[in-house]
Amino acid sequence: MTNPVAQRFSENLIRLRTDAGLSQEALGFVAGMNRTQVGILERRERLPRIDTLVRLSGALRVSPNDLLAGIVWNTAQIEINTGGFEIGEGEEEREQG
């Protein structure tokens, strides 16, 4: 089963990279990363570290929030004592919808 956070991040990364007209190799070069690292993120095999998130957003000329669009943390309630991620509409999808 795919991690829903990795899935949404991957979808956002692929969409933004494609919109920028960049290949995985070109994005990797501009971000100071290897192409295989970009592929690993796009294949949902790993979540990025914070420095990778910043590199990718800078290379794509977008906000880190654009790469995280649709990923929301629901804060635990003391009575429930559990929290979890919610995968919903991103900023761009809300504006269009």
N, C-alpha and C. Protein backbone atom coordinates (compact mmCIF):
# COMPACT_ATOMS: atom_id res chain seq x y z
N MET A 1 0.85 -1.19 0.00
CA MET A 1 0.00 0.00 0.00
C MET A 1 0.89 1.25 0.00
N THR A 2 0.57 2.18 -0.85
CA THR A 2 1.35 3.41 -0.97
C THR A 2 1.01 4.37 0.16
N ASN A 3 2.04 5.01 0.70
CA ASN A 3 1.87 6.05 1.70
C ASN A 3 1.12 7.20 1.04
N PRO A 4 -0.04 7.63 1.59
CA PRO A 4 -0.81 8.70 0.94
C PRO A 4 -0.06 10.03 0.88
N VAL A 5 0.84 10.28 1.83
CA VAL A 5 1.63 11.52 1.79
C VAL A 5 2.63 11.45 0.64
N ALA A 6 3.30 10.31 0.50
CA ALA A 6 4.24 10.13 -0.61
C ALA A 6 3.52 10.22 -1.95
N GLN A 7 2.32 9.67 -2.01
CA GLN A 7 1.55 9.71 -3.25
C GLN A 7 1.20 11.14 -3.64
N ARG A 8 0.70 11.93 -2.68
CA ARG A 8 0.32 13.32 -3.00
C ARG A 8 1.55 14.15 -3.34
N PHE A 9 2.65 13.95 -2.58
CA PHE A 9 3.87 14.70 -2.88
C PHE A 9 4.34 14.37 -4.29
N SER A 10 4.32 13.10 -4.65
CA SER A 10 4.72 12.66 -5.98
C SER A 10 3.86 13.32 -7.06
N GLU A 11 2.55 13.31 -6.86
CA GLU A 11 1.64 13.94 -7.83
C GLU A 11 1.96 15.42 -8.00
N ASN A 12 2.19 16.10 -6.89
CA ASN A 12 2.52 17.53 -6.95
C ASN A 12 3.85 17.75 -7.66
N LEU A 13 4.86 16.94 -7.34
CA LEU A 13 6.18 17.09 -7.94
C LEU A 13 6.11 16.85 -9.45
N ILE A 14 5.45 15.79 -9.87
CA ILE A 14 5.34 15.48 -11.30
C ILE A 14 4.63 16.61 -12.03
N ARG A 15 3.51 17.08 -11.44
CA ARG A 15 2.74 18.16 -12.10
C ARG A 15 3.57 19.43 -12.23
N LEU A 16 4.25 19.82 -11.15
CA LEU A 16 5.04 21.05 -11.18
C LEU A 16 6.26 20.93 -12.10
N ARG A 17 6.89 19.77 -12.11
CA ARG A 17 8.04 19.55 -13.00
C ARG A 17 7.60 19.59 -14.46
N THR A 18 6.48 18.94 -14.75
CA THR A 18 5.95 18.93 -16.11
C THR A 18 5.54 20.33 -16.54
N ASP A 19 4.86 21.05 -15.65
CA ASP A 19 4.46 22.44 -15.95
C ASP A 19 5.67 23.32 -16.24
N ALA A 20 6.79 23.04 -15.57
CA ALA A 20 8.02 23.82 -15.77
C ALA A 20 8.77 23.37 -17.03
N GLY A 21 8.30 22.29 -17.64
CA GLY A 21 8.94 21.80 -18.86
C GLY A 21 10.30 21.16 -18.61
N LEU A 22 10.47 20.58 -17.43
CA LEU A 22 11.76 19.98 -17.07
C LEU A 22 11.69 18.46 -17.05
N SER A 23 12.74 17.82 -17.49
CA SER A 23 12.88 16.38 -17.33
C SER A 23 13.35 16.12 -15.90
N GLN A 24 13.32 14.86 -15.48
CA GLN A 24 13.87 14.52 -14.16
C GLN A 24 15.35 14.90 -14.10
N GLU A 25 16.06 14.66 -15.17
CA GLU A 25 17.49 14.96 -15.21
C GLU A 25 17.73 16.47 -15.08
N ALA A 26 16.95 17.27 -15.82
CA ALA A 26 17.12 18.72 -15.76
C ALA A 26 16.77 19.25 -14.37
N LEU A 27 15.69 18.75 -13.79
CA LEU A 27 15.31 19.19 -12.44
C LEU A 27 16.40 18.82 -11.44
N GLY A 28 16.90 17.60 -11.56
CA GLY A 28 17.97 17.18 -10.67
C GLY A 28 19.18 18.09 -10.77
N PHE A 29 19.55 18.43 -12.00
CA PHE A 29 20.71 19.30 -12.22
C PHE A 29 20.50 20.67 -11.57
N VAL A 30 19.36 21.28 -11.85
CA VAL A 30 19.08 22.62 -11.33
C VAL A 30 18.97 22.60 -9.80
N ALA A 31 18.47 21.49 -9.24
CA ALA A 31 18.31 21.38 -7.79
C ALA A 31 19.57 20.87 -7.10
N GLY A 32 20.61 20.54 -7.87
CA GLY A 32 21.83 20.02 -7.27
C GLY A 32 21.66 18.60 -6.75
N MET A 33 20.82 17.83 -7.46
CA MET A 33 20.53 16.46 -7.07
C MET A 33 20.80 15.54 -8.26
N ASN A 34 20.79 14.26 -8.00
CA ASN A 34 20.91 13.28 -9.07
C ASN A 34 19.52 12.98 -9.62
N ARG A 35 19.43 12.69 -10.89
CA ARG A 35 18.15 12.35 -11.52
C ARG A 35 17.47 11.19 -10.80
N THR A 36 18.26 10.24 -10.34
CA THR A 36 17.66 9.08 -9.67
C THR A 36 16.95 9.48 -8.38
N GLN A 37 17.44 10.52 -7.71
CA GLN A 37 16.78 11.00 -6.49
C GLN A 37 15.39 11.56 -6.82
N VAL A 38 15.30 12.28 -7.94
CA VAL A 38 14.01 12.81 -8.37
C VAL A 38 13.07 11.65 -8.69
N GLY A 39 13.58 10.65 -9.39
CA GLY A 39 12.77 9.49 -9.74
C GLY A 39 12.27 8.75 -8.52
N ILE A 40 13.09 8.61 -7.51
CA ILE A 40 12.70 7.93 -6.27
C ILE A 40 11.52 8.65 -5.62
N LEU A 41 11.56 9.99 -5.62
CA LEU A 41 10.46 10.76 -5.04
C LEU A 41 9.21 10.63 -5.89
N GLU A 42 9.37 10.66 -7.21
CA GLU A 42 8.21 10.56 -8.09
C GLU A 42 7.59 9.16 -8.07
N ARG A 43 8.38 8.15 -7.78
CA ARG A 43 7.87 6.77 -7.69
C ARG A 43 7.34 6.45 -6.30
N ARG A 44 7.32 7.43 -5.42
CA ARG A 44 6.77 7.30 -4.07
C ARG A 44 7.56 6.34 -3.19
N GLU A 45 8.84 6.19 -3.49
CA GLU A 45 9.68 5.27 -2.72
C GLU A 45 10.23 5.91 -1.46
N ARG A 46 10.18 7.22 -1.40
CA ARG A 46 10.75 7.94 -0.26
C ARG A 46 10.11 9.32 -0.18
N LEU A 47 10.06 9.87 1.02
CA LEU A 47 9.65 11.25 1.23
C LEU A 47 10.91 12.11 1.30
N PRO A 48 10.82 13.36 0.86
CA PRO A 48 12.01 14.22 0.87
C PRO A 48 12.35 14.74 2.25
N ARG A 49 13.64 14.99 2.46
CA ARG A 49 14.07 15.72 3.65
C ARG A 49 13.74 17.20 3.42
N ILE A 50 13.82 17.97 4.46
CA ILE A 50 13.50 19.40 4.35
C ILE A 50 14.42 20.09 3.36
N ASP A 51 15.72 19.80 3.39
CA ASP A 51 16.63 20.46 2.46
C ASP A 51 16.32 20.09 1.01
N THR A 52 15.86 18.86 0.79
CA THR A 52 15.48 18.44 -0.56
C THR A 52 14.22 19.17 -1.00
N LEU A 53 13.26 19.33 -0.10
CA LEU A 53 12.05 20.08 -0.39
C LEU A 53 12.38 21.51 -0.81
N VAL A 54 13.30 22.13 -0.10
CA VAL A 54 13.69 23.51 -0.41
C VAL A 54 14.43 23.57 -1.75
N ARG A 55 15.32 22.62 -2.00
CA ARG A 55 16.03 22.58 -3.29
C ARG A 55 15.06 22.43 -4.46
N LEU A 56 14.11 21.50 -4.33
CA LEU A 56 13.15 21.26 -5.41
C LEU A 56 12.27 22.48 -5.63
N SER A 57 11.78 23.09 -4.56
CA SER A 57 10.91 24.26 -4.74
C SER A 57 11.68 25.41 -5.37
N GLY A 58 12.94 25.59 -4.97
CA GLY A 58 13.76 26.63 -5.57
C GLY A 58 14.02 26.37 -7.05
N ALA A 59 14.33 25.13 -7.38
CA ALA A 59 14.60 24.77 -8.78
C ALA A 59 13.35 24.92 -9.64
N LEU A 60 12.18 24.64 -9.06
CA LEU A 60 10.92 24.77 -9.80
C LEU A 60 10.35 26.18 -9.74
N ARG A 61 10.98 27.03 -8.91
CA ARG A 61 10.53 28.41 -8.72
C ARG A 61 9.09 28.47 -8.20
N VAL A 62 8.83 27.61 -7.22
CA VAL A 62 7.53 27.58 -6.55
C VAL A 62 7.78 27.59 -5.05
N SER A 63 6.74 27.78 -4.29
CA SER A 63 6.83 27.71 -2.83
C SER A 63 6.87 26.25 -2.39
N PRO A 64 7.56 25.95 -1.29
CA PRO A 64 7.48 24.59 -0.75
C PRO A 64 6.03 24.17 -0.52
N ASN A 65 5.16 25.15 -0.22
CA ASN A 65 3.74 24.85 -0.03
C ASN A 65 3.12 24.25 -1.28
N ASP A 66 3.60 24.64 -2.46
CA ASP A 66 3.07 24.08 -3.70
C ASP A 66 3.38 22.58 -3.80
N LEU A 67 4.55 22.19 -3.33
CA LEU A 67 4.91 20.76 -3.34
C LEU A 67 4.14 19.99 -2.27
N LEU A 68 3.68 20.69 -1.24
CA LEU A 68 2.95 20.05 -0.14
C LEU A 68 1.44 20.24 -0.25
N ALA A 69 0.96 20.81 -1.34
CA ALA A 69 -0.47 21.10 -1.50
C ALA A 69 -1.29 19.83 -1.32
N GLY A 70 -2.32 19.94 -0.50
CA GLY A 70 -3.23 18.83 -0.27
C GLY A 70 -2.82 17.91 0.86
N ILE A 71 -1.68 18.17 1.49
CA ILE A 71 -1.22 17.35 2.61
C ILE A 71 -1.46 18.15 3.89
N VAL A 72 -2.33 17.65 4.73
CA VAL A 72 -2.74 18.37 5.93
C VAL A 72 -2.62 17.43 7.13
N TRP A 73 -2.14 17.95 8.23
CA TRP A 73 -2.09 17.17 9.47
C TRP A 73 -3.29 17.55 10.32
N ASN A 74 -4.06 16.54 10.72
CA ASN A 74 -5.18 16.76 11.64
C ASN A 74 -4.66 16.56 13.05
N THR A 75 -4.73 17.61 13.83
CA THR A 75 -4.22 17.58 15.19
C THR A 75 -5.07 16.65 16.06
N ALA A 76 -4.40 15.89 16.90
CA ALA A 76 -5.09 14.98 17.80
C ALA A 76 -5.86 15.75 18.85
N GLN A 77 -6.99 15.23 19.22
CA GLN A 77 -7.76 15.77 20.33
C GLN A 77 -7.34 14.98 21.57
N ILE A 78 -7.25 15.64 22.69
CA ILE A 78 -6.79 14.98 23.90
C ILE A 78 -7.66 13.76 24.22
N GLU A 79 -8.95 13.85 24.01
CA GLU A 79 -9.84 12.74 24.32
C GLU A 79 -9.59 11.55 23.37
N ILE A 80 -9.24 11.85 22.13
CA ILE A 80 -9.06 10.81 21.12
C ILE A 80 -7.63 10.28 21.15
N ASN A 81 -6.67 11.19 21.34
CA ASN A 81 -5.25 10.86 21.44
C ASN A 81 -4.67 10.25 20.16
N THR A 82 -5.22 10.57 19.02
CA THR A 82 -4.62 10.16 17.75
C THR A 82 -4.73 11.30 16.76
N GLY A 83 -3.76 11.39 15.92
CA GLY A 83 -3.77 12.36 14.83
C GLY A 83 -3.49 11.62 13.55
N GLY A 84 -3.52 12.30 12.46
CA GLY A 84 -3.22 11.65 11.20
C GLY A 84 -3.23 12.64 10.06
N PHE A 85 -2.69 12.20 8.95
CA PHE A 85 -2.68 13.05 7.77
C PHE A 85 -4.03 13.00 7.07
N GLU A 86 -4.36 14.09 6.41
CA GLU A 86 -5.54 14.15 5.57
C GLU A 86 -5.07 14.57 4.19
N ILE A 87 -5.43 13.82 3.19
CA ILE A 87 -5.06 14.14 1.83
C ILE A 87 -6.30 14.71 1.17
N GLY A 88 -6.22 15.99 0.83
CA GLY A 88 -7.37 16.68 0.26
C GLY A 88 -6.95 17.51 -0.92
N GLU A 89 -7.78 18.46 -1.24
CA GLU A 89 -7.50 19.33 -2.38
C GLU A 89 -6.35 20.25 -2.06
N GLY A 90 -5.48 20.50 -3.07
CA GLY A 90 -4.41 21.46 -2.94
C GLY A 90 -4.94 22.85 -3.20
N GLU A 91 -4.12 23.84 -2.97
CA GLU A 91 -4.51 25.23 -3.20
C GLU A 91 -4.99 25.43 -4.63
N GLU A 92 -4.23 24.89 -5.58
CA GLU A 92 -4.56 25.08 -6.99
C GLU A 92 -5.91 24.43 -7.31
N GLU A 93 -6.16 23.24 -6.76
CA GLU A 93 -7.40 22.54 -7.02
C GLU A 93 -8.60 23.27 -6.42
N ARG A 94 -8.39 23.88 -5.23
CA ARG A 94 -9.47 24.63 -4.60
C ARG A 94 -9.85 25.85 -5.39
N GLU A 95 -8.84 26.52 -5.96
CA GLU A 95 -9.10 27.72 -6.75
C GLU A 95 -9.85 27.39 -8.01
N GLN A 96 -9.55 26.24 -8.61
CA GLN A 96 -10.21 25.83 -9.85
C GLN A 96 -11.59 25.26 -9.60
N GLY A 97 -11.77 24.62 -8.45
CA GLY A 97 -13.02 23.89 -8.17
C GLY A 97 -14.02 24.78 -7.57
